[in-house]
C-alpha atoms as a PDB file:
ATOM      1  CA  MET A   1       0.102  -0.075   0.025  1.00  0.00           C
ATOM      2  CA  ARG A   2       1.314   3.397  -0.861  1.00  0.00           C
ATOM      3  CA  ASP A   3       1.580   6.223   1.800  1.00  0.00           C
ATOM      4  CA  TYR A   4      -1.070   8.232  -0.234  1.00  0.00           C
ATOM      5  CA  GLU A   5      -3.568   5.300   0.132  1.00  0.00           C
ATOM      6  CA  ARG A   6      -2.881   5.254   3.902  1.00  0.00           C
ATOM      7  CA  LEU A   7      -4.125   8.905   4.296  1.00  0.00           C
ATOM      8  CA  PRO A   8      -7.725   9.638   5.745  1.00  0.00           C
ATOM      9  CA  GLU A   9     -10.322   9.740   2.924  1.00  0.00           C
ATOM     10  CA  GLY A  10     -10.846  13.370   3.764  1.00  0.00           C
ATOM     11  CA  ILE A  11      -7.190  14.368   3.081  1.00  0.00           C
ATOM     12  CA  ARG A  12      -6.921  12.174  -0.173  1.00  0.00           C
ATOM     13  CA  ASN A  13      -9.884  13.952  -1.705  1.00  0.00           C
ATOM     14  CA  ALA A  14      -8.788  17.528  -0.733  1.00  0.00           C
ATOM     15  CA  ASN A  15      -8.185  19.689  -3.499  1.00  0.00           C
ATOM     16  CA  LEU A  16      -4.762  21.097  -2.557  1.00  0.00           C
ATOM     17  CA  PRO A  17      -2.207  22.491  -4.806  1.00  0.00           C
ATOM     18  CA  ASP A  18       0.903  21.032  -5.768  1.00  0.00           C
ATOM     19  CA  LEU A  19       3.957  22.334  -3.578  1.00  0.00           C
ATOM     20  CA  LEU A  20       7.289  22.787  -5.045  1.00  0.00           C
ATOM     21  CA  THR A  21      10.720  22.883  -3.398  1.00  0.00           C
ATOM     22  CA  VAL A  22      12.766  26.067  -3.847  1.00  0.00           C
ATOM     23  CA  ALA A  23      15.108  24.131  -6.164  1.00  0.00           C
ATOM     24  CA  GLU A  24      12.041  23.078  -8.410  1.00  0.00           C
ATOM     25  CA  VAL A  25      10.875  26.798  -8.445  1.00  0.00           C
ATOM     26  CA  ALA A  26      14.096  27.980  -9.538  1.00  0.00           C
ATOM     27  CA  GLU A  27      14.465  25.207 -12.226  1.00  0.00           C
ATOM     28  CA  ARG A  28      11.149  26.059 -13.627  1.00  0.00           C
ATOM     29  CA  LEU A  29      11.779  29.625 -13.708  1.00  0.00           C
ATOM     30  CA  ARG A  30      15.416  29.201 -14.755  1.00  0.00           C
ATOM     31  CA  ILE A  31      16.557  31.608 -11.898  1.00  0.00           C
ATOM     32  CA  SER A  32      18.931  30.819  -9.095  1.00  0.00           C
ATOM     33  CA  LYS A  33      17.676  29.280  -5.603  1.00  0.00           C
ATOM     34  CA  MET A  34      18.842  32.593  -4.159  1.00  0.00           C
ATOM     35  CA  THR A  35      16.582  34.427  -6.177  1.00  0.00           C
ATOM     36  CA  VAL A  36      13.694  32.268  -5.169  1.00  0.00           C
ATOM     37  CA  TYR A  37      14.713  32.911  -1.503  1.00  0.00           C
ATOM     38  CA  ARG A  38      14.628  36.597  -2.083  1.00  0.00           C
ATOM     39  CA  LEU A  39      11.199  36.502  -3.970  1.00  0.00           C
ATOM     40  CA  ILE A  40       9.845  34.480  -0.802  1.00  0.00           C
ATOM     41  CA  HIS A  41      11.422  36.878   1.862  1.00  0.00           C
ATOM     42  CA  THR A  42      10.205  39.968   0.117  1.00  0.00           C
ATOM     43  CA  GLU A  43       6.788  38.605  -0.278  1.00  0.00           C
ATOM     44  CA  GLN A  44       6.707  38.610  -3.929  1.00  0.00           C
ATOM     45  CA  LEU A  45       6.236  34.798  -4.164  1.00  0.00           C
ATOM     46  CA  PRO A  46       3.832  32.909  -1.508  1.00  0.00           C
ATOM     47  CA  ALA A  47       5.435  30.180   0.172  1.00  0.00           C
ATOM     48  CA  ILE A  48       4.737  27.929   3.224  1.00  0.00           C
ATOM     49  CA  ARG A  49       7.407  27.252   5.742  1.00  0.00           C
ATOM     50  CA  LEU A  50       8.014  23.376   6.677  1.00  0.00           C
ATOM     51  CA  GLY A  51      10.334  23.196   9.270  1.00  0.00           C
ATOM     52  CA  ARG A  52      13.510  24.582   8.123  1.00  0.00           C
ATOM     53  CA  SER A  53      12.296  24.593   4.422  1.00  0.00           C
ATOM     54  CA  PHE A  54       9.964  26.278   2.062  1.00  0.00           C
ATOM     55  CA  ARG A  55       7.358  25.021  -0.286  1.00  0.00           C
ATOM     56  CA  VAL A  56       5.931  27.094  -3.040  1.00  0.00           C
ATOM     57  CA  PRO A  57       2.399  26.496  -4.344  1.00  0.00           C
ATOM     58  CA  ALA A  58       2.568  25.635  -8.051  1.00  0.00           C
ATOM     59  CA  PRO A  59      -0.401  27.934  -8.952  1.00  0.00           C
ATOM     60  CA  ALA A  60       1.768  31.031  -7.565  1.00  0.00           C
ATOM     61  CA  VAL A  61       4.625  29.871  -9.907  1.00  0.00           C
ATOM     62  CA  ALA A  62       2.085  29.648 -12.752  1.00  0.00           C
ATOM     63  CA  ALA A  63       0.918  33.197 -11.888  1.00  0.00           C
ATOM     64  CA  ILE A  64       4.407  34.417 -12.422  1.00  0.00           C
ATOM     65  CA  VAL A  65       5.038  32.567 -15.719  1.00  0.00           C
ATOM     66  CA  ASN A  66       1.498  33.951 -17.007  1.00  0.00           C
ATOM     67  CA  SER A  67       2.378  37.507 -15.897  1.00  0.00           C
ATOM     68  CA  GLU A  68      -0.349  37.933 -13.268  1.00  0.00           C
ATOM     69  CA  HIS A  69       2.734  39.239 -11.301  1.00  0.00           C
ATOM     70  CA  PRO A  70       4.420  41.501 -13.663  1.00  0.00           C
ATOM     71  CA  ARG A  71       6.611  43.274 -10.985  1.00  0.00           C
ATOM     72  CA  VAL A  72       8.074  40.231  -9.329  1.00  0.00           C
ATOM     73  CA  GLY A  73      11.933  40.919  -8.772  1.00  0.00           C
ATOM     74  CA  GLN A  74      11.882  44.565  -9.070  1.00  0.00           C
ATOM     75  CA  PRO A  75      11.901  47.023  -6.090  1.00  0.00           C
ATOM     76  CA  PRO A  76       8.403  48.062  -4.928  1.00  0.00           C
ATOM     77  CA  GLU A  77       7.292  51.571  -6.044  1.00  0.00           C
ATOM     78  CA  GLU A  78       7.702  54.182  -3.576  1.00  0.00           C
ATOM     79  CA  PRO A  79       4.522  55.940  -2.850  1.00  0.00           C
ATOM     80  CA  ALA A  80       3.487  59.243  -5.171  1.00  0.00           C
ATOM     81  CA  GLU A  81       4.268  62.473  -3.394  1.00  0.00           C
ATOM     82  CA  ARG A  82       1.172  64.213  -1.927  1.00  0.00           C
ATOM     83  CA  PRO A  83       0.866  67.944  -2.764  1.00  0.00           C
ATOM     84  CA  PRO A  84       1.461  69.977   0.403  1.00  0.00           C
ATOM     85  CA  THR A  85      -1.552  70.961   2.253  1.00  0.00           C
ATOM     86  CA  ALA A  86      -2.175  74.356   3.553  1.00  0.00           C
END
């Protein structure tokens, strides 16, 4: 019996996203692992921390590839200057 088959019915049928390792994300996006960590730490790429490692939901990687997050990897914009109030 496979480990998957030992899971309770509710968990087996849960619609959970695939989780990718940092190395898998780096390979798919053709960037370095350090860049993936930087994207995670700047909250430009959502991730789940499991112990000492991170897992990234596959849909988040697909969103980057599909340009739903066109600013990934760029520094955040500074807020526009407000006109002085009298």
